[in-house]
Amino acid sequence: WDQALLNQHKTLIALRHTHPALRTGHYTQLVTQGDCYCFARHSPDETLVIAVNAGDQTASLTCDWAKSGAELGQIPQQRCYGSGDLRLKSASTLQITLPPRQGSIWCE
């Protein structure tokens, strides 16, 4: 067994159990750029942002939260998985930086 991979899967499964929006929440695509993809999962109780970089270079994404067209609520800023960085450029604009071949999840 690859213990590191097993532990990573256990961590993601635990996050899915902890955050109902990851299981049954609404899905809203936020932005796609190059090898990166970012979306939100949201419910009346919580909103999460999930971003993935499938490329082999560090990548940055810019997303306008207000133009997503969904009732997303508050912008989550607490990273609960991964090593990406999420910063607010303005009241509704997110700047996300992701290392190569990694994903990150931010929760409220």
N, C-alpha and C. Protein backbone atom coordinates (compact mmCIF):
# COMPACT_ATOMS: atom_id res chain seq x y z
N TRP A 1 0.83 -1.19 0.00
CA TRP A 1 0.00 0.00 0.00
C TRP A 1 0.87 1.25 0.00
N ASP A 2 0.40 2.25 -0.70
CA ASP A 2 1.03 3.57 -0.68
C ASP A 2 0.37 4.33 0.48
N GLN A 3 1.04 4.37 1.62
CA GLN A 3 0.46 4.96 2.83
C GLN A 3 0.13 6.44 2.65
N ALA A 4 0.97 7.19 1.93
CA ALA A 4 0.70 8.63 1.73
C ALA A 4 -0.60 8.82 0.95
N LEU A 5 -0.78 8.04 -0.10
CA LEU A 5 -2.00 8.14 -0.90
C LEU A 5 -3.22 7.69 -0.10
N LEU A 6 -3.08 6.63 0.67
CA LEU A 6 -4.17 6.15 1.52
C LEU A 6 -4.57 7.23 2.53
N ASN A 7 -3.59 7.86 3.16
CA ASN A 7 -3.88 8.91 4.14
C ASN A 7 -4.55 10.11 3.49
N GLN A 8 -4.14 10.45 2.27
CA GLN A 8 -4.76 11.57 1.56
C GLN A 8 -6.24 11.25 1.27
N HIS A 9 -6.52 10.04 0.86
CA HIS A 9 -7.91 9.64 0.62
C HIS A 9 -8.72 9.68 1.92
N LYS A 10 -8.14 9.23 3.01
CA LYS A 10 -8.84 9.27 4.30
C LYS A 10 -9.16 10.71 4.70
N THR A 11 -8.23 11.62 4.44
CA THR A 11 -8.46 13.04 4.75
C THR A 11 -9.61 13.59 3.93
N LEU A 12 -9.62 13.28 2.64
CA LEU A 12 -10.70 13.77 1.77
C LEU A 12 -12.05 13.16 2.13
N ILE A 13 -12.07 11.90 2.50
CA ILE A 13 -13.32 11.26 2.94
C ILE A 13 -13.83 11.92 4.22
N ALA A 14 -12.93 12.22 5.14
CA ALA A 14 -13.33 12.89 6.38
C ALA A 14 -13.90 14.28 6.09
N LEU A 15 -13.30 15.01 5.15
CA LEU A 15 -13.83 16.33 4.77
C LEU A 15 -15.24 16.20 4.19
N ARG A 16 -15.44 15.20 3.38
CA ARG A 16 -16.76 14.97 2.79
C ARG A 16 -17.80 14.67 3.87
N HIS A 17 -17.41 13.95 4.90
CA HIS A 17 -18.34 13.66 6.01
C HIS A 17 -18.59 14.89 6.87
N THR A 18 -17.58 15.73 7.01
CA THR A 18 -17.68 16.93 7.86
C THR A 18 -18.50 18.04 7.20
N HIS A 19 -18.45 18.12 5.88
CA HIS A 19 -19.10 19.23 5.15
C HIS A 19 -20.21 18.68 4.24
N PRO A 20 -21.46 18.76 4.70
CA PRO A 20 -22.58 18.24 3.92
C PRO A 20 -22.68 18.82 2.50
N ALA A 21 -22.24 20.07 2.32
CA ALA A 21 -22.31 20.67 0.98
C ALA A 21 -21.46 19.91 -0.04
N LEU A 22 -20.42 19.22 0.42
CA LEU A 22 -19.61 18.42 -0.50
C LEU A 22 -20.37 17.18 -0.98
N ARG A 23 -21.36 16.76 -0.22
CA ARG A 23 -22.14 15.58 -0.59
C ARG A 23 -23.41 15.94 -1.35
N THR A 24 -24.15 16.92 -0.82
CA THR A 24 -25.48 17.19 -1.36
C THR A 24 -25.69 18.65 -1.78
N GLY A 25 -24.66 19.47 -1.67
CA GLY A 25 -24.80 20.89 -2.00
C GLY A 25 -24.92 21.14 -3.49
N HIS A 26 -25.35 22.34 -3.81
CA HIS A 26 -25.43 22.78 -5.21
C HIS A 26 -24.03 23.00 -5.75
N TYR A 27 -23.88 22.79 -7.03
CA TYR A 27 -22.60 22.94 -7.72
C TYR A 27 -22.65 24.20 -8.58
N THR A 28 -21.63 25.05 -8.47
CA THR A 28 -21.53 26.24 -9.31
C THR A 28 -20.11 26.36 -9.84
N GLN A 29 -19.97 26.32 -11.16
CA GLN A 29 -18.65 26.53 -11.76
C GLN A 29 -18.27 27.99 -11.61
N LEU A 30 -17.07 28.24 -11.13
CA LEU A 30 -16.61 29.62 -10.93
C LEU A 30 -15.69 30.08 -12.05
N VAL A 31 -14.67 29.28 -12.39
CA VAL A 31 -13.75 29.69 -13.45
C VAL A 31 -12.94 28.48 -13.92
N THR A 32 -12.61 28.48 -15.20
CA THR A 32 -11.64 27.53 -15.75
C THR A 32 -10.61 28.35 -16.51
N GLN A 33 -9.36 28.04 -16.31
CA GLN A 33 -8.27 28.72 -17.00
C GLN A 33 -7.16 27.71 -17.22
N GLY A 34 -6.82 27.47 -18.48
CA GLY A 34 -5.74 26.54 -18.78
C GLY A 34 -6.00 25.18 -18.16
N ASP A 35 -5.08 24.73 -17.32
CA ASP A 35 -5.20 23.43 -16.66
C ASP A 35 -5.87 23.52 -15.29
N CYS A 36 -6.49 24.66 -14.99
CA CYS A 36 -7.10 24.87 -13.67
C CYS A 36 -8.61 24.96 -13.77
N TYR A 37 -9.23 24.52 -12.69
CA TYR A 37 -10.67 24.48 -12.60
C TYR A 37 -11.07 24.87 -11.18
N CYS A 38 -12.09 25.70 -11.05
CA CYS A 38 -12.53 26.14 -9.73
C CYS A 38 -14.06 26.15 -9.69
N PHE A 39 -14.61 25.60 -8.61
CA PHE A 39 -16.06 25.57 -8.46
C PHE A 39 -16.42 25.72 -6.99
N ALA A 40 -17.70 25.96 -6.74
CA ALA A 40 -18.21 26.06 -5.38
C ALA A 40 -19.24 24.97 -5.17
N ARG A 41 -19.30 24.46 -3.95
CA ARG A 41 -20.38 23.59 -3.50
C ARG A 41 -21.03 24.35 -2.36
N HIS A 42 -22.34 24.52 -2.43
CA HIS A 42 -23.00 25.35 -1.42
C HIS A 42 -24.37 24.80 -1.05
N SER A 43 -24.71 25.06 0.18
CA SER A 43 -26.01 24.70 0.75
C SER A 43 -26.47 25.90 1.57
N PRO A 44 -27.67 25.86 2.13
CA PRO A 44 -28.08 26.99 2.97
C PRO A 44 -27.16 27.21 4.17
N ASP A 45 -26.44 26.18 4.60
CA ASP A 45 -25.63 26.28 5.80
C ASP A 45 -24.15 26.57 5.56
N GLU A 46 -23.64 26.27 4.37
CA GLU A 46 -22.21 26.47 4.14
C GLU A 46 -21.89 26.57 2.66
N THR A 47 -20.73 27.17 2.40
CA THR A 47 -20.21 27.29 1.05
C THR A 47 -18.74 26.90 1.07
N LEU A 48 -18.32 26.11 0.09
CA LEU A 48 -16.92 25.73 -0.04
C LEU A 48 -16.44 26.06 -1.44
N VAL A 49 -15.18 26.41 -1.56
CA VAL A 49 -14.55 26.63 -2.86
C VAL A 49 -13.53 25.52 -3.06
N ILE A 50 -13.58 24.89 -4.23
CA ILE A 50 -12.66 23.82 -4.57
C ILE A 50 -11.93 24.23 -5.84
N ALA A 51 -10.60 24.15 -5.82
CA ALA A 51 -9.80 24.51 -6.99
C ALA A 51 -8.76 23.43 -7.23
N VAL A 52 -8.55 23.11 -8.51
CA VAL A 52 -7.62 22.05 -8.89
C VAL A 52 -6.71 22.57 -10.00
N ASN A 53 -5.43 22.30 -9.87
CA ASN A 53 -4.45 22.62 -10.91
C ASN A 53 -3.90 21.30 -11.43
N ALA A 54 -4.28 20.91 -12.65
CA ALA A 54 -3.80 19.67 -13.26
C ALA A 54 -2.50 19.89 -14.02
N GLY A 55 -2.05 21.13 -14.11
CA GLY A 55 -0.83 21.44 -14.86
C GLY A 55 0.44 21.18 -14.08
N ASP A 56 1.57 21.34 -14.77
CA ASP A 56 2.86 21.09 -14.13
C ASP A 56 3.58 22.38 -13.71
N GLN A 57 2.84 23.50 -13.71
CA GLN A 57 3.37 24.79 -13.27
C GLN A 57 2.41 25.41 -12.24
N THR A 58 2.95 26.21 -11.32
CA THR A 58 2.09 26.97 -10.41
C THR A 58 1.17 27.86 -11.24
N ALA A 59 -0.08 27.97 -10.83
CA ALA A 59 -1.06 28.73 -11.61
C ALA A 59 -1.88 29.64 -10.71
N SER A 60 -2.35 30.74 -11.30
CA SER A 60 -3.22 31.69 -10.60
C SER A 60 -4.54 31.81 -11.34
N LEU A 61 -5.61 31.89 -10.59
CA LEU A 61 -6.96 32.07 -11.12
C LEU A 61 -7.57 33.31 -10.51
N THR A 62 -8.35 34.03 -11.29
CA THR A 62 -9.11 35.16 -10.78
C THR A 62 -10.58 34.87 -11.01
N CYS A 63 -11.37 35.07 -9.99
CA CYS A 63 -12.79 34.73 -10.05
C CYS A 63 -13.62 35.87 -9.47
N ASP A 64 -14.67 36.27 -10.19
CA ASP A 64 -15.61 37.27 -9.68
C ASP A 64 -16.77 36.54 -9.02
N TRP A 65 -16.75 36.53 -7.70
CA TRP A 65 -17.74 35.83 -6.88
C TRP A 65 -19.15 36.32 -7.19
N ALA A 66 -19.32 37.62 -7.37
CA ALA A 66 -20.65 38.21 -7.58
C ALA A 66 -21.24 37.81 -8.93
N LYS A 67 -20.40 37.53 -9.92
CA LYS A 67 -20.89 37.19 -11.25
C LYS A 67 -21.12 35.70 -11.45
N SER A 68 -21.01 34.93 -10.40
CA SER A 68 -21.16 33.48 -10.52
C SER A 68 -22.60 33.09 -10.87
N GLY A 69 -23.55 33.97 -10.58
CA GLY A 69 -24.94 33.69 -10.89
C GLY A 69 -25.64 32.79 -9.90
N ALA A 70 -25.03 32.55 -8.75
CA ALA A 70 -25.64 31.68 -7.75
C ALA A 70 -25.70 32.39 -6.41
N GLU A 71 -26.55 31.88 -5.55
CA GLU A 71 -26.67 32.40 -4.18
C GLU A 71 -25.59 31.74 -3.33
N LEU A 72 -24.37 32.24 -3.39
CA LEU A 72 -23.24 31.58 -2.76
C LEU A 72 -22.99 32.00 -1.32
N GLY A 73 -23.50 33.12 -0.92
CA GLY A 73 -23.27 33.55 0.46
C GLY A 73 -21.87 34.09 0.66
N GLN A 74 -21.37 33.94 1.87
CA GLN A 74 -20.08 34.49 2.27
C GLN A 74 -18.93 33.74 1.57
N ILE A 75 -17.89 34.48 1.23
CA ILE A 75 -16.71 33.88 0.60
C ILE A 75 -15.91 33.11 1.64
N PRO A 76 -15.74 31.81 1.44
CA PRO A 76 -14.95 31.03 2.40
C PRO A 76 -13.47 31.38 2.27
N GLN A 77 -12.79 31.57 3.39
CA GLN A 77 -11.39 31.95 3.34
C GLN A 77 -10.50 31.04 4.18
N GLN A 78 -11.08 30.09 4.88
CA GLN A 78 -10.28 29.17 5.70
C GLN A 78 -9.92 27.95 4.87
N ARG A 79 -8.64 27.73 4.64
CA ARG A 79 -8.23 26.56 3.87
C ARG A 79 -8.41 25.33 4.75
N CYS A 80 -9.16 24.36 4.24
CA CYS A 80 -9.36 23.12 5.01
C CYS A 80 -8.72 21.93 4.33
N TYR A 81 -8.12 22.14 3.14
CA TYR A 81 -7.36 21.07 2.49
C TYR A 81 -6.43 21.69 1.45
N GLY A 82 -5.27 21.11 1.29
CA GLY A 82 -4.33 21.52 0.25
C GLY A 82 -3.42 22.64 0.69
N SER A 83 -2.64 23.14 -0.27
CA SER A 83 -1.67 24.18 0.05
C SER A 83 -1.82 25.41 -0.83
N GLY A 84 -2.96 25.54 -1.52
CA GLY A 84 -3.21 26.71 -2.34
C GLY A 84 -3.46 27.94 -1.49
N ASP A 85 -3.47 29.09 -2.15
CA ASP A 85 -3.64 30.36 -1.47
C ASP A 85 -4.85 31.08 -2.07
N LEU A 86 -5.76 31.57 -1.24
CA LEU A 86 -6.92 32.34 -1.67
C LEU A 86 -6.85 33.71 -1.02
N ARG A 87 -6.90 34.74 -1.85
CA ARG A 87 -6.88 36.12 -1.35
C ARG A 87 -8.01 36.91 -1.99
N LEU A 88 -8.52 37.87 -1.25
CA LEU A 88 -9.53 38.77 -1.80
C LEU A 88 -8.84 39.95 -2.45
N LYS A 89 -9.11 40.15 -3.75
CA LYS A 89 -8.57 41.32 -4.45
C LYS A 89 -9.50 42.51 -4.26
N SER A 90 -10.79 42.22 -4.10
CA SER A 90 -11.80 43.24 -3.82
C SER A 90 -12.91 42.54 -3.04
N ALA A 91 -14.01 43.24 -2.82
CA ALA A 91 -15.10 42.66 -2.03
C ALA A 91 -15.64 41.37 -2.64
N SER A 92 -15.53 41.21 -3.97
CA SER A 92 -16.10 40.01 -4.59
C SER A 92 -15.15 39.32 -5.58
N THR A 93 -13.89 39.73 -5.62
CA THR A 93 -12.94 39.11 -6.55
C THR A 93 -11.92 38.28 -5.79
N LEU A 94 -11.84 37.00 -6.16
CA LEU A 94 -10.91 36.07 -5.54
C LEU A 94 -9.68 35.91 -6.41
N GLN A 95 -8.52 35.84 -5.79
CA GLN A 95 -7.27 35.47 -6.47
C GLN A 95 -6.80 34.17 -5.83
N ILE A 96 -6.74 33.10 -6.62
CA ILE A 96 -6.34 31.79 -6.13
C ILE A 96 -5.03 31.38 -6.79
N THR A 97 -4.07 30.95 -5.98
CA THR A 97 -2.80 30.45 -6.48
C THR A 97 -2.66 29.00 -6.05
N LEU A 98 -2.35 28.14 -7.02
CA LEU A 98 -2.26 26.71 -6.76
C LEU A 98 -0.92 26.15 -7.22
N PRO A 99 -0.31 25.32 -6.38
CA PRO A 99 0.90 24.62 -6.81
C PRO A 99 0.56 23.63 -7.94
N PRO A 100 1.57 23.18 -8.67
CA PRO A 100 1.30 22.22 -9.75
C PRO A 100 0.74 20.90 -9.23
N ARG A 101 -0.19 20.34 -10.00
CA ARG A 101 -0.78 19.02 -9.74
C ARG A 101 -1.34 18.88 -8.33
N GLN A 102 -2.01 19.93 -7.89
CA GLN A 102 -2.61 19.90 -6.55
C GLN A 102 -3.97 20.56 -6.57
N GLY A 103 -4.71 20.28 -5.53
CA GLY A 103 -6.02 20.91 -5.34
C GLY A 103 -6.12 21.46 -3.93
N SER A 104 -7.05 22.37 -3.75
CA SER A 104 -7.28 22.95 -2.43
C SER A 104 -8.77 23.16 -2.22
N ILE A 105 -9.17 23.15 -0.95
CA ILE A 105 -10.55 23.40 -0.58
C ILE A 105 -10.56 24.45 0.52
N TRP A 106 -11.44 25.45 0.36
CA TRP A 106 -11.62 26.47 1.37
C TRP A 106 -13.04 26.39 1.91
N CYS A 107 -13.18 26.52 3.22
CA CYS A 107 -14.50 26.46 3.85
C CYS A 107 -14.70 27.70 4.72
N GLU A 108 -15.94 27.89 5.13
CA GLU A 108 -16.28 29.08 5.95
C GLU A 108 -15.75 28.93 7.35
